[in-house]
Amino acid sequence: MSVLLLALLIVIVLFVLGFAVVKFLIWVAIVLAIIWVIGFFVRGVEGSRWYRW
């Protein structure tokens, strides 16, 4: 019985951690998208790029 409860606890902890990581990655993606949009509109004349690839 205790093994089953331990396994259930591990599954719940991994689910919560996975959800937190996905939420964090979504916020990172939103911030990077905002930076990209700002860079897209702030670029100089003649369509020059604000980044170097």
PDB file of N, CA and C in Angstrom:
ATOM      1  N   MET A   1       0.831  -1.199   0.000  1.00  0.00           N
ATOM      2  CA  MET A   1       0.000   0.000   0.000  1.00  0.00           C
ATOM      3  C   MET A   1       0.872   1.257   0.000  1.00  0.00           C
ATOM      4  N   SER A   2       1.940   1.254   0.800  1.00  0.00           N
ATOM      5  CA  SER A   2       2.800   2.436   0.867  1.00  0.00           C
ATOM      6  C   SER A   2       3.540   2.652  -0.455  1.00  0.00           C
ATOM      7  N   VAL A   3       3.846   1.568  -1.172  1.00  0.00           N
ATOM      8  CA  VAL A   3       4.503   1.711  -2.473  1.00  0.00           C
ATOM      9  C   VAL A   3       3.564   2.385  -3.467  1.00  0.00           C
ATOM     10  N   LEU A   4       2.305   2.031  -3.420  1.00  0.00           N
ATOM     11  CA  LEU A   4       1.317   2.649  -4.302  1.00  0.00           C
ATOM     12  C   LEU A   4       1.156   4.137  -3.991  1.00  0.00           C
ATOM     13  N   LEU A   5       1.118   4.480  -2.722  1.00  0.00           N
ATOM     14  CA  LEU A   5       1.017   5.890  -2.338  1.00  0.00           C
ATOM     15  C   LEU A   5       2.272   6.660  -2.732  1.00  0.00           C
ATOM     16  N   LEU A   6       3.420   6.041  -2.584  1.00  0.00           N
ATOM     17  CA  LEU A   6       4.672   6.684  -2.979  1.00  0.00           C
ATOM     18  C   LEU A   6       4.695   6.912  -4.491  1.00  0.00           C
ATOM     19  N   ALA A   7       4.265   5.924  -5.252  1.00  0.00           N
ATOM     20  CA  ALA A   7       4.215   6.082  -6.704  1.00  0.00           C
ATOM     21  C   ALA A   7       3.235   7.183  -7.095  1.00  0.00           C
ATOM     22  N   LEU A   8       2.095   7.235  -6.457  1.00  0.00           N
ATOM     23  CA  LEU A   8       1.115   8.280  -6.732  1.00  0.00           C
ATOM     24  C   LEU A   8       1.680   9.662  -6.389  1.00  0.00           C
ATOM     25  N   LEU A   9       2.377   9.756  -5.287  1.00  0.00           N
ATOM     26  CA  LEU A   9       3.000  11.023  -4.889  1.00  0.00           C
ATOM     27  C   LEU A   9       4.046  11.456  -5.911  1.00  0.00           C
ATOM     28  N   ILE A  10       4.849  10.520  -6.393  1.00  0.00           N
ATOM     29  CA  ILE A  10       5.867  10.850  -7.398  1.00  0.00           C
ATOM     30  C   ILE A  10       5.211  11.327  -8.685  1.00  0.00           C
ATOM     31  N   VAL A  11       4.141  10.669  -9.103  1.00  0.00           N
ATOM     32  CA  VAL A  11       3.436  11.080 -10.314  1.00  0.00           C
ATOM     33  C   VAL A  11       2.863  12.483 -10.152  1.00  0.00           C
ATOM     34  N   ILE A  12       2.278  12.764  -9.012  1.00  0.00           N
ATOM     35  CA  ILE A  12       1.699  14.101  -8.770  1.00  0.00           C
ATOM     36  C   ILE A  12       2.794  15.169  -8.775  1.00  0.00           C
ATOM     37  N   VAL A  13       3.909  14.894  -8.118  1.00  0.00           N
ATOM     38  CA  VAL A  13       5.017  15.863  -8.073  1.00  0.00           C
ATOM     39  C   VAL A  13       5.567  16.116  -9.474  1.00  0.00           C
ATOM     40  N   LEU A  14       5.757  15.064 -10.267  1.00  0.00           N
ATOM     41  CA  LEU A  14       6.267  15.243 -11.625  1.00  0.00           C
ATOM     42  C   LEU A  14       5.270  16.006 -12.491  1.00  0.00           C
ATOM     43  N   PHE A  15       3.982  15.767 -12.303  1.00  0.00           N
ATOM     44  CA  PHE A  15       2.968  16.490 -13.063  1.00  0.00           C
ATOM     45  C   PHE A  15       3.006  17.979 -12.727  1.00  0.00           C
ATOM     46  N   VAL A  16       3.104  18.300 -11.451  1.00  0.00           N
ATOM     47  CA  VAL A  16       3.151  19.705 -11.026  1.00  0.00           C
ATOM     48  C   VAL A  16       4.409  20.383 -11.547  1.00  0.00           C
ATOM     49  N   LEU A  17       5.548  19.697 -11.448  1.00  0.00           N
ATOM     50  CA  LEU A  17       6.793  20.275 -11.949  1.00  0.00           C
ATOM     51  C   LEU A  17       6.733  20.475 -13.463  1.00  0.00           C
ATOM     52  N   GLY A  18       6.182  19.509 -14.171  1.00  0.00           N
ATOM     53  CA  GLY A  18       6.050  19.646 -15.620  1.00  0.00           C
ATOM     54  C   GLY A  18       5.157  20.809 -15.999  1.00  0.00           C
ATOM     55  N   PHE A  19       4.059  20.983 -15.277  1.00  0.00           N
ATOM     56  CA  PHE A  19       3.163  22.100 -15.545  1.00  0.00           C
ATOM     57  C   PHE A  19       3.872  23.431 -15.289  1.00  0.00           C
ATOM     58  N   ALA A  20       4.667  23.499 -14.215  1.00  0.00           N
ATOM     59  CA  ALA A  20       5.389  24.731 -13.893  1.00  0.00           C
ATOM     60  C   ALA A  20       6.428  25.047 -14.975  1.00  0.00           C
ATOM     61  N   VAL A  21       7.101  24.021 -15.469  1.00  0.00           N
ATOM     62  CA  VAL A  21       8.112  24.240 -16.508  1.00  0.00           C
ATOM     63  C   VAL A  21       7.451  24.718 -17.800  1.00  0.00           C
ATOM     64  N   VAL A  22       6.333  24.124 -18.168  1.00  0.00           N
ATOM     65  CA  VAL A  22       5.629  24.549 -19.382  1.00  0.00           C
ATOM     66  C   VAL A  22       5.138  25.980 -19.238  1.00  0.00           C
ATOM     67  N   LYS A  23       4.620  26.331 -18.072  1.00  0.00           N
ATOM     68  CA  LYS A  23       4.164  27.702 -17.838  1.00  0.00           C
ATOM     69  C   LYS A  23       5.337  28.686 -17.945  1.00  0.00           C
ATOM     70  N   PHE A  24       6.481  28.317 -17.387  1.00  0.00           N
ATOM     71  CA  PHE A  24       7.674  29.162 -17.472  1.00  0.00           C
ATOM     72  C   PHE A  24       8.116  29.327 -18.924  1.00  0.00           C
ATOM     73  N   LEU A  25       8.119  28.251 -19.686  1.00  0.00           N
ATOM     74  CA  LEU A  25       8.541  28.327 -21.084  1.00  0.00           C
ATOM     75  C   LEU A  25       7.576  29.159 -21.918  1.00  0.00           C
ATOM     76  N   ILE A  26       6.297  29.124 -21.593  1.00  0.00           N
ATOM     77  CA  ILE A  26       5.339  29.970 -22.299  1.00  0.00           C
ATOM     78  C   ILE A  26       5.630  31.443 -22.032  1.00  0.00           C
ATOM     79  N   TRP A  27       5.944  31.793 -20.791  1.00  0.00           N
ATOM     80  CA  TRP A  27       6.286  33.186 -20.466  1.00  0.00           C
ATOM     81  C   TRP A  27       7.567  33.605 -21.182  1.00  0.00           C
ATOM     82  N   VAL A  28       8.556  32.718 -21.264  1.00  0.00           N
ATOM     83  CA  VAL A  28       9.789  33.032 -21.989  1.00  0.00           C
ATOM     84  C   VAL A  28       9.479  33.276 -23.462  1.00  0.00           C
ATOM     85  N   ALA A  29       8.624  32.439 -24.054  1.00  0.00           N
ATOM     86  CA  ALA A  29       8.258  32.614 -25.454  1.00  0.00           C
ATOM     87  C   ALA A  29       7.528  33.937 -25.678  1.00  0.00           C
ATOM     88  N   ILE A  30       6.672  34.327 -24.748  1.00  0.00           N
ATOM     89  CA  ILE A  30       5.951  35.598 -24.881  1.00  0.00           C
ATOM     90  C   ILE A  30       6.924  36.772 -24.832  1.00  0.00           C
ATOM     91  N   VAL A  31       7.870  36.731 -23.891  1.00  0.00           N
ATOM     92  CA  VAL A  31       8.858  37.814 -23.774  1.00  0.00           C
ATOM     93  C   VAL A  31       9.710  37.900 -25.035  1.00  0.00           C
ATOM     94  N   LEU A  32      10.163  36.760 -25.549  1.00  0.00           N
ATOM     95  CA  LEU A  32      10.980  36.773 -26.762  1.00  0.00           C
ATOM     96  C   LEU A  32      10.179  37.264 -27.964  1.00  0.00           C
ATOM     97  N   ALA A  33       8.904  36.915 -28.040  1.00  0.00           N
ATOM     98  CA  ALA A  33       8.070  37.401 -29.138  1.00  0.00           C
ATOM     99  C   ALA A  33       7.898  38.916 -29.058  1.00  0.00           C
ATOM    100  N   ILE A  34       7.736  39.445 -27.853  1.00  0.00           N
ATOM    101  CA  ILE A  34       7.603  40.899 -27.694  1.00  0.00           C
ATOM    102  C   ILE A  34       8.892  41.596 -28.109  1.00  0.00           C
ATOM    103  N   ILE A  35      10.040  41.047 -27.707  1.00  0.00           N
ATOM    104  CA  ILE A  35      11.325  41.631 -28.104  1.00  0.00           C
ATOM    105  C   ILE A  35      11.479  41.590 -29.613  1.00  0.00           C
ATOM    106  N   TRP A  36      11.070  40.485 -30.245  1.00  0.00           N
ATOM    107  CA  TRP A  36      11.168  40.375 -31.697  1.00  0.00           C
ATOM    108  C   TRP A  36      10.295  41.407 -32.392  1.00  0.00           C
ATOM    109  N   VAL A  37       9.062  41.596 -31.893  1.00  0.00           N
ATOM    110  CA  VAL A  37       8.144  42.571 -32.509  1.00  0.00           C
ATOM    111  C   VAL A  37       8.684  43.982 -32.341  1.00  0.00           C
ATOM    112  N   ILE A  38       9.216  44.288 -31.167  1.00  0.00           N
ATOM    113  CA  ILE A  38       9.805  45.618 -30.957  1.00  0.00           C
ATOM    114  C   ILE A  38      10.970  45.824 -31.910  1.00  0.00           C
ATOM    115  N   GLY A  39      11.828  44.842 -32.041  1.00  0.00           N
ATOM    116  CA  GLY A  39      12.950  44.944 -32.973  1.00  0.00           C
ATOM    117  C   GLY A  39      12.494  45.057 -34.416  1.00  0.00           C
ATOM    118  N   PHE A  40      11.395  44.415 -34.743  1.00  0.00           N
ATOM    119  CA  PHE A  40      10.869  44.488 -36.110  1.00  0.00           C
ATOM    120  C   PHE A  40      10.422  45.907 -36.437  1.00  0.00           C
ATOM    121  N   PHE A  41       9.789  46.590 -35.485  1.00  0.00           N
ATOM    122  CA  PHE A  41       9.284  47.939 -35.744  1.00  0.00           C
ATOM    123  C   PHE A  41      10.327  49.026 -35.514  1.00  0.00           C
ATOM    124  N   VAL A  42      11.393  48.725 -34.783  1.00  0.00           N
ATOM    125  CA  VAL A  42      12.392  49.744 -34.467  1.00  0.00           C
ATOM    126  C   VAL A  42      13.538  49.741 -35.484  1.00  0.00           C
ATOM    127  N   ARG A  43      13.556  48.764 -36.355  1.00  0.00           N
ATOM    128  CA  ARG A  43      14.674  48.672 -37.296  1.00  0.00           C
ATOM    129  C   ARG A  43      14.803  49.955 -38.097  1.00  0.00           C
ATOM    130  N   GLY A  44      16.010  50.186 -38.539  1.00  0.00           N
ATOM    131  CA  GLY A  44      16.301  51.440 -39.227  1.00  0.00           C
ATOM    132  C   GLY A  44      15.712  51.498 -40.621  1.00  0.00           C
ATOM    133  N   VAL A  45      16.033  52.584 -41.300  1.00  0.00           N
ATOM    134  CA  VAL A  45      15.555  52.773 -42.666  1.00  0.00           C
ATOM    135  C   VAL A  45      16.246  51.776 -43.583  1.00  0.00           C
ATOM    136  N   GLU A  46      15.743  51.665 -44.791  1.00  0.00           N
ATOM    137  CA  GLU A  46      16.261  50.768 -45.821  1.00  0.00           C
ATOM    138  C   GLU A  46      16.131  49.303 -45.417  1.00  0.00           C
ATOM    139  N   GLY A  47      15.299  49.001 -44.431  1.00  0.00           N
ATOM    140  CA  GLY A  47      15.067  47.622 -44.055  1.00  0.00           C
ATOM    141  C   GLY A  47      16.270  46.927 -43.460  1.00  0.00           C
ATOM    142  N   SER A  48      17.176  47.700 -42.886  1.00  0.00           N
ATOM    143  CA  SER A  48      18.363  47.070 -42.292  1.00  0.00           C
ATOM    144  C   SER A  48      17.960  46.243 -41.086  1.00  0.00           C
ATOM    145  N   ARG A  49      18.708  45.194 -40.834  1.00  0.00           N
ATOM    146  CA  ARG A  49      18.371  44.289 -39.743  1.00  0.00           C
ATOM    147  C   ARG A  49      18.951  44.798 -38.431  1.00  0.00           C
ATOM    148  N   TRP A  50      18.200  44.627 -37.366  1.00  0.00           N
ATOM    149  CA  TRP A  50      18.677  45.028 -36.031  1.00  0.00           C
ATOM    150  C   TRP A  50      19.440  43.914 -35.367  1.00  0.00           C
ATOM    151  N   TYR A  51      19.514  42.755 -36.008  1.00  0.00           N
ATOM    152  CA  TYR A  51      20.255  41.624 -35.468  1.00  0.00           C
ATOM    153  C   TYR A  51      21.278  41.178 -36.525  1.00  0.00           C
ATOM    154  N   ARG A  52      22.262  40.418 -36.109  1.00  0.00           N
ATOM    155  CA  ARG A  52      23.283  39.932 -37.035  1.00  0.00           C
ATOM    156  C   ARG A  52      23.258  38.417 -37.038  1.00  0.00           C
ATOM    157  N   TRP A  53      22.914  37.823 -38.172  1.00  0.00           N
ATOM    158  CA  TRP A  53      22.857  36.385 -38.310  1.00  0.00           C
ATOM    159  C   TRP A  53      23.960  35.930 -39.230  1.00  0.00           C
TER     160      TRP A  53
END
